[in-house]
Amino acid sequence: MERLTELEIEQALADNPHWKRLDEKWIERKYRFREYLTGIRFVTEIAEVSEVANHHPFISIDYKLISVKLSSWNARGLTALDFQLAKQYDEIYARIVE
């Protein structure tokens, strides 16, 4: 996968407004949950999606706060796959917290 240009990254961030850019290689979103087990269910579901895509995020669990960071190490930056997964994670979150 090819690394995105700055313009492509800006557009992808506009399409994924809950995600923020940490630096030239990483995007991040923090998800809040009412219950610990709901957060763990979310992590399990995004792990399954990530495994299918063979693209694995950095996940940090702090009780009811789950931080997810995405980057494509082989492209040395951000790719379309990072933003595709970000969108899928957001869809999973929306379904779980409803």
N, C-alpha and C. Protein backbone atom coordinates (compact mmCIF):
# COMPACT_ATOMS: atom_id res chain seq x y z
N MET A 1 0.82 -1.18 0.00
CA MET A 1 0.00 0.00 0.00
C MET A 1 0.86 1.25 0.00
N GLU A 2 0.40 2.23 -0.73
CA GLU A 2 1.16 3.47 -0.83
C GLU A 2 0.76 4.46 0.25
N ARG A 3 1.73 5.20 0.71
CA ARG A 3 1.49 6.25 1.70
C ARG A 3 0.67 7.37 1.05
N LEU A 4 -0.25 7.93 1.82
CA LEU A 4 -1.08 9.01 1.31
C LEU A 4 -0.31 10.33 1.28
N THR A 5 -0.72 11.20 0.37
CA THR A 5 -0.15 12.54 0.32
C THR A 5 -0.78 13.38 1.43
N GLU A 6 -0.22 14.54 1.69
CA GLU A 6 -0.77 15.43 2.71
C GLU A 6 -2.21 15.81 2.39
N LEU A 7 -2.49 16.10 1.14
CA LEU A 7 -3.84 16.46 0.73
C LEU A 7 -4.81 15.30 0.95
N GLU A 8 -4.39 14.09 0.61
CA GLU A 8 -5.23 12.91 0.82
C GLU A 8 -5.48 12.67 2.31
N ILE A 9 -4.47 12.89 3.12
CA ILE A 9 -4.62 12.73 4.57
C ILE A 9 -5.62 13.75 5.12
N GLU A 10 -5.50 14.99 4.70
CA GLU A 10 -6.43 16.03 5.15
C GLU A 10 -7.87 15.67 4.77
N GLN A 11 -8.08 15.17 3.55
CA GLN A 11 -9.41 14.77 3.12
C GLN A 11 -9.92 13.59 3.93
N ALA A 12 -9.05 12.61 4.16
CA ALA A 12 -9.45 11.43 4.93
C ALA A 12 -9.80 11.82 6.36
N LEU A 13 -9.08 12.75 6.94
CA LEU A 13 -9.41 13.23 8.29
C LEU A 13 -10.74 13.97 8.30
N ALA A 14 -11.01 14.71 7.25
CA ALA A 14 -12.31 15.39 7.14
C ALA A 14 -13.44 14.38 7.07
N ASP A 15 -13.18 13.24 6.45
CA ASP A 15 -14.18 12.18 6.33
C ASP A 15 -14.29 11.34 7.60
N ASN A 16 -13.33 11.46 8.49
CA ASN A 16 -13.28 10.73 9.76
C ASN A 16 -13.07 11.74 10.89
N PRO A 17 -14.07 12.57 11.19
CA PRO A 17 -13.88 13.72 12.07
C PRO A 17 -13.52 13.41 13.52
N HIS A 18 -13.76 12.21 13.98
CA HIS A 18 -13.44 11.87 15.37
C HIS A 18 -11.98 11.47 15.55
N TRP A 19 -11.29 11.29 14.45
CA TRP A 19 -9.89 10.89 14.49
C TRP A 19 -9.01 12.12 14.42
N LYS A 20 -7.88 12.07 15.14
CA LYS A 20 -6.95 13.19 15.06
C LYS A 20 -5.58 12.66 14.63
N ARG A 21 -4.86 13.53 14.02
CA ARG A 21 -3.51 13.18 13.56
C ARG A 21 -2.51 13.49 14.67
N LEU A 22 -1.73 12.49 15.03
CA LEU A 22 -0.73 12.69 16.06
C LEU A 22 0.57 13.26 15.49
N ASP A 23 0.94 12.77 14.32
CA ASP A 23 2.14 13.23 13.63
C ASP A 23 2.06 12.74 12.19
N GLU A 24 3.17 12.71 11.49
CA GLU A 24 3.13 12.32 10.07
C GLU A 24 2.82 10.84 9.85
N LYS A 25 2.87 10.03 10.91
CA LYS A 25 2.69 8.59 10.75
C LYS A 25 1.47 8.01 11.47
N TRP A 26 0.85 8.75 12.37
CA TRP A 26 -0.18 8.15 13.22
C TRP A 26 -1.46 8.98 13.28
N ILE A 27 -2.60 8.25 13.33
CA ILE A 27 -3.88 8.85 13.68
C ILE A 27 -4.39 8.14 14.93
N GLU A 28 -5.26 8.84 15.68
CA GLU A 28 -5.74 8.28 16.94
C GLU A 28 -7.18 8.69 17.21
N ARG A 29 -7.87 7.80 17.88
CA ARG A 29 -9.19 8.13 18.42
C ARG A 29 -9.32 7.49 19.79
N LYS A 30 -9.99 8.21 20.69
CA LYS A 30 -10.28 7.68 22.01
C LYS A 30 -11.77 7.42 22.11
N TYR A 31 -12.12 6.23 22.51
CA TYR A 31 -13.52 5.81 22.65
C TYR A 31 -13.84 5.67 24.14
N ARG A 32 -14.96 6.22 24.55
CA ARG A 32 -15.41 6.11 25.95
C ARG A 32 -16.62 5.17 26.03
N PHE A 33 -16.64 4.41 27.10
CA PHE A 33 -17.72 3.44 27.32
C PHE A 33 -18.28 3.61 28.72
N ARG A 34 -19.54 3.27 28.87
CA ARG A 34 -20.18 3.35 30.19
C ARG A 34 -19.71 2.22 31.10
N GLU A 35 -19.39 1.09 30.47
CA GLU A 35 -19.00 -0.09 31.24
C GLU A 35 -17.72 -0.69 30.67
N TYR A 36 -16.91 -1.21 31.55
CA TYR A 36 -15.65 -1.84 31.17
C TYR A 36 -15.86 -2.98 30.16
N LEU A 37 -16.81 -3.85 30.42
CA LEU A 37 -17.02 -5.00 29.55
C LEU A 37 -17.46 -4.60 28.14
N THR A 38 -18.19 -3.50 28.03
CA THR A 38 -18.58 -3.00 26.71
C THR A 38 -17.33 -2.58 25.93
N GLY A 39 -16.40 -1.92 26.60
CA GLY A 39 -15.14 -1.55 25.96
C GLY A 39 -14.35 -2.76 25.52
N ILE A 40 -14.33 -3.79 26.33
CA ILE A 40 -13.61 -5.02 25.97
C ILE A 40 -14.28 -5.69 24.77
N ARG A 41 -15.61 -5.67 24.73
CA ARG A 41 -16.31 -6.22 23.56
C ARG A 41 -15.93 -5.45 22.30
N PHE A 42 -15.84 -4.12 22.41
CA PHE A 42 -15.41 -3.29 21.29
C PHE A 42 -14.00 -3.70 20.83
N VAL A 43 -13.09 -3.85 21.75
CA VAL A 43 -11.72 -4.23 21.41
C VAL A 43 -11.71 -5.58 20.69
N THR A 44 -12.49 -6.51 21.17
CA THR A 44 -12.57 -7.83 20.53
C THR A 44 -13.07 -7.72 19.10
N GLU A 45 -14.09 -6.91 18.90
CA GLU A 45 -14.64 -6.76 17.54
C GLU A 45 -13.67 -6.06 16.59
N ILE A 46 -12.99 -5.01 17.08
CA ILE A 46 -12.04 -4.36 16.16
C ILE A 46 -10.82 -5.24 15.91
N ALA A 47 -10.50 -6.10 16.87
CA ALA A 47 -9.40 -7.05 16.66
C ALA A 47 -9.74 -8.02 15.53
N GLU A 48 -10.98 -8.46 15.48
CA GLU A 48 -11.39 -9.37 14.41
C GLU A 48 -11.33 -8.69 13.05
N VAL A 49 -11.82 -7.46 12.96
CA VAL A 49 -11.78 -6.69 11.71
C VAL A 49 -10.32 -6.47 11.29
N SER A 50 -9.49 -6.14 12.25
CA SER A 50 -8.07 -5.88 11.98
C SER A 50 -7.36 -7.14 11.49
N GLU A 51 -7.68 -8.25 12.09
CA GLU A 51 -7.05 -9.51 11.69
C GLU A 51 -7.41 -9.87 10.26
N VAL A 52 -8.66 -9.69 9.88
CA VAL A 52 -9.09 -9.96 8.51
C VAL A 52 -8.32 -9.06 7.53
N ALA A 53 -8.11 -7.80 7.92
CA ALA A 53 -7.39 -6.85 7.05
C ALA A 53 -5.88 -7.02 7.14
N ASN A 54 -5.42 -7.87 8.07
CA ASN A 54 -3.98 -8.06 8.34
C ASN A 54 -3.30 -6.71 8.60
N HIS A 55 -3.97 -5.92 9.42
CA HIS A 55 -3.48 -4.57 9.76
C HIS A 55 -3.88 -4.31 11.21
N HIS A 56 -2.92 -4.22 12.08
CA HIS A 56 -3.21 -4.24 13.51
C HIS A 56 -2.91 -2.91 14.17
N PRO A 57 -3.89 -2.37 14.90
CA PRO A 57 -3.73 -1.08 15.56
C PRO A 57 -2.97 -1.22 16.87
N PHE A 58 -2.54 -0.10 17.38
CA PHE A 58 -2.03 0.00 18.74
C PHE A 58 -3.24 0.32 19.60
N ILE A 59 -3.53 -0.54 20.59
CA ILE A 59 -4.71 -0.36 21.44
C ILE A 59 -4.27 -0.22 22.89
N SER A 60 -4.83 0.80 23.55
CA SER A 60 -4.55 1.02 24.96
C SER A 60 -5.89 1.01 25.70
N ILE A 61 -5.96 0.21 26.76
CA ILE A 61 -7.18 0.09 27.53
C ILE A 61 -6.95 0.69 28.92
N ASP A 62 -7.76 1.69 29.26
CA ASP A 62 -7.69 2.31 30.57
C ASP A 62 -9.11 2.35 31.13
N TYR A 63 -9.50 1.25 31.73
CA TYR A 63 -10.83 1.05 32.31
C TYR A 63 -11.92 1.27 31.27
N LYS A 64 -12.55 2.44 31.20
CA LYS A 64 -13.64 2.68 30.26
C LYS A 64 -13.21 3.53 29.07
N LEU A 65 -11.92 3.76 28.94
CA LEU A 65 -11.37 4.57 27.84
C LEU A 65 -10.45 3.69 26.99
N ILE A 66 -10.79 3.56 25.72
CA ILE A 66 -9.99 2.78 24.79
C ILE A 66 -9.37 3.73 23.77
N SER A 67 -8.04 3.74 23.69
CA SER A 67 -7.33 4.55 22.70
C SER A 67 -6.86 3.64 21.58
N VAL A 68 -7.12 4.06 20.36
CA VAL A 68 -6.72 3.27 19.18
C VAL A 68 -5.87 4.17 18.29
N LYS A 69 -4.70 3.65 17.92
CA LYS A 69 -3.80 4.38 17.02
C LYS A 69 -3.57 3.51 15.78
N LEU A 70 -3.56 4.16 14.63
CA LEU A 70 -3.34 3.47 13.37
C LEU A 70 -2.20 4.09 12.58
N SER A 71 -1.43 3.24 11.93
CA SER A 71 -0.35 3.65 11.04
C SER A 71 0.01 2.42 10.20
N SER A 72 0.61 2.67 9.06
CA SER A 72 1.07 1.56 8.21
C SER A 72 2.59 1.55 8.23
N TRP A 73 3.14 0.68 9.06
CA TRP A 73 4.59 0.66 9.24
C TRP A 73 5.31 0.36 7.94
N ASN A 74 4.75 -0.52 7.10
CA ASN A 74 5.42 -0.87 5.84
C ASN A 74 5.43 0.27 4.83
N ALA A 75 4.51 1.22 4.97
CA ALA A 75 4.47 2.40 4.10
C ALA A 75 5.16 3.59 4.77
N ARG A 76 5.55 3.39 6.03
CA ARG A 76 6.18 4.45 6.82
C ARG A 76 5.29 5.69 6.94
N GLY A 77 4.02 5.44 7.13
CA GLY A 77 3.08 6.54 7.27
C GLY A 77 1.65 6.06 7.17
N LEU A 78 0.79 6.95 6.77
CA LEU A 78 -0.64 6.67 6.69
C LEU A 78 -1.06 6.24 5.29
N THR A 79 -1.93 5.24 5.24
CA THR A 79 -2.44 4.74 3.97
C THR A 79 -3.96 4.74 4.00
N ALA A 80 -4.55 4.46 2.86
CA ALA A 80 -6.01 4.37 2.77
C ALA A 80 -6.55 3.32 3.73
N LEU A 81 -5.81 2.25 3.95
CA LEU A 81 -6.26 1.19 4.84
C LEU A 81 -6.43 1.70 6.27
N ASP A 82 -5.55 2.58 6.72
CA ASP A 82 -5.70 3.14 8.07
C ASP A 82 -7.05 3.82 8.22
N PHE A 83 -7.42 4.60 7.23
CA PHE A 83 -8.68 5.34 7.30
C PHE A 83 -9.89 4.44 7.05
N GLN A 84 -9.73 3.39 6.26
CA GLN A 84 -10.82 2.43 6.08
C GLN A 84 -11.12 1.72 7.40
N LEU A 85 -10.05 1.33 8.09
CA LEU A 85 -10.26 0.68 9.39
C LEU A 85 -10.82 1.66 10.41
N ALA A 86 -10.36 2.90 10.39
CA ALA A 86 -10.90 3.92 11.30
C ALA A 86 -12.42 4.01 11.14
N LYS A 87 -12.87 4.03 9.90
CA LYS A 87 -14.31 4.11 9.64
C LYS A 87 -15.02 2.86 10.16
N GLN A 88 -14.44 1.69 9.94
CA GLN A 88 -15.05 0.46 10.43
C GLN A 88 -15.11 0.45 11.96
N TYR A 89 -14.05 0.91 12.61
CA TYR A 89 -14.05 0.96 14.07
C TYR A 89 -15.15 1.89 14.57
N ASP A 90 -15.32 3.03 13.91
CA ASP A 90 -16.37 3.97 14.30
C ASP A 90 -17.76 3.35 14.14
N GLU A 91 -17.94 2.57 13.08
CA GLU A 91 -19.22 1.90 12.87
C GLU A 91 -19.48 0.86 13.96
N ILE A 92 -18.46 0.14 14.35
CA ILE A 92 -18.60 -0.84 15.43
C ILE A 92 -18.95 -0.11 16.74
N TYR A 93 -18.26 0.98 17.01
CA TYR A 93 -18.53 1.77 18.22
C TYR A 93 -19.97 2.25 18.24
N ALA A 94 -20.43 2.81 17.13
CA ALA A 94 -21.81 3.32 17.05
C ALA A 94 -22.81 2.21 17.33
N ARG A 95 -22.57 1.03 16.80
CA ARG A 95 -23.49 -0.09 17.02
C ARG A 95 -23.47 -0.56 18.46
N ILE A 96 -22.29 -0.60 19.07
CA ILE A 96 -22.16 -1.11 20.44
C ILE A 96 -22.75 -0.16 21.47
N VAL A 97 -22.58 1.14 21.28
CA VAL A 97 -23.04 2.07 22.32
C VAL A 97 -24.51 2.48 22.16
N GLU A 98 -25.16 2.05 21.11
CA GLU A 98 -26.58 2.39 20.93
C GLU A 98 -27.44 1.78 22.00
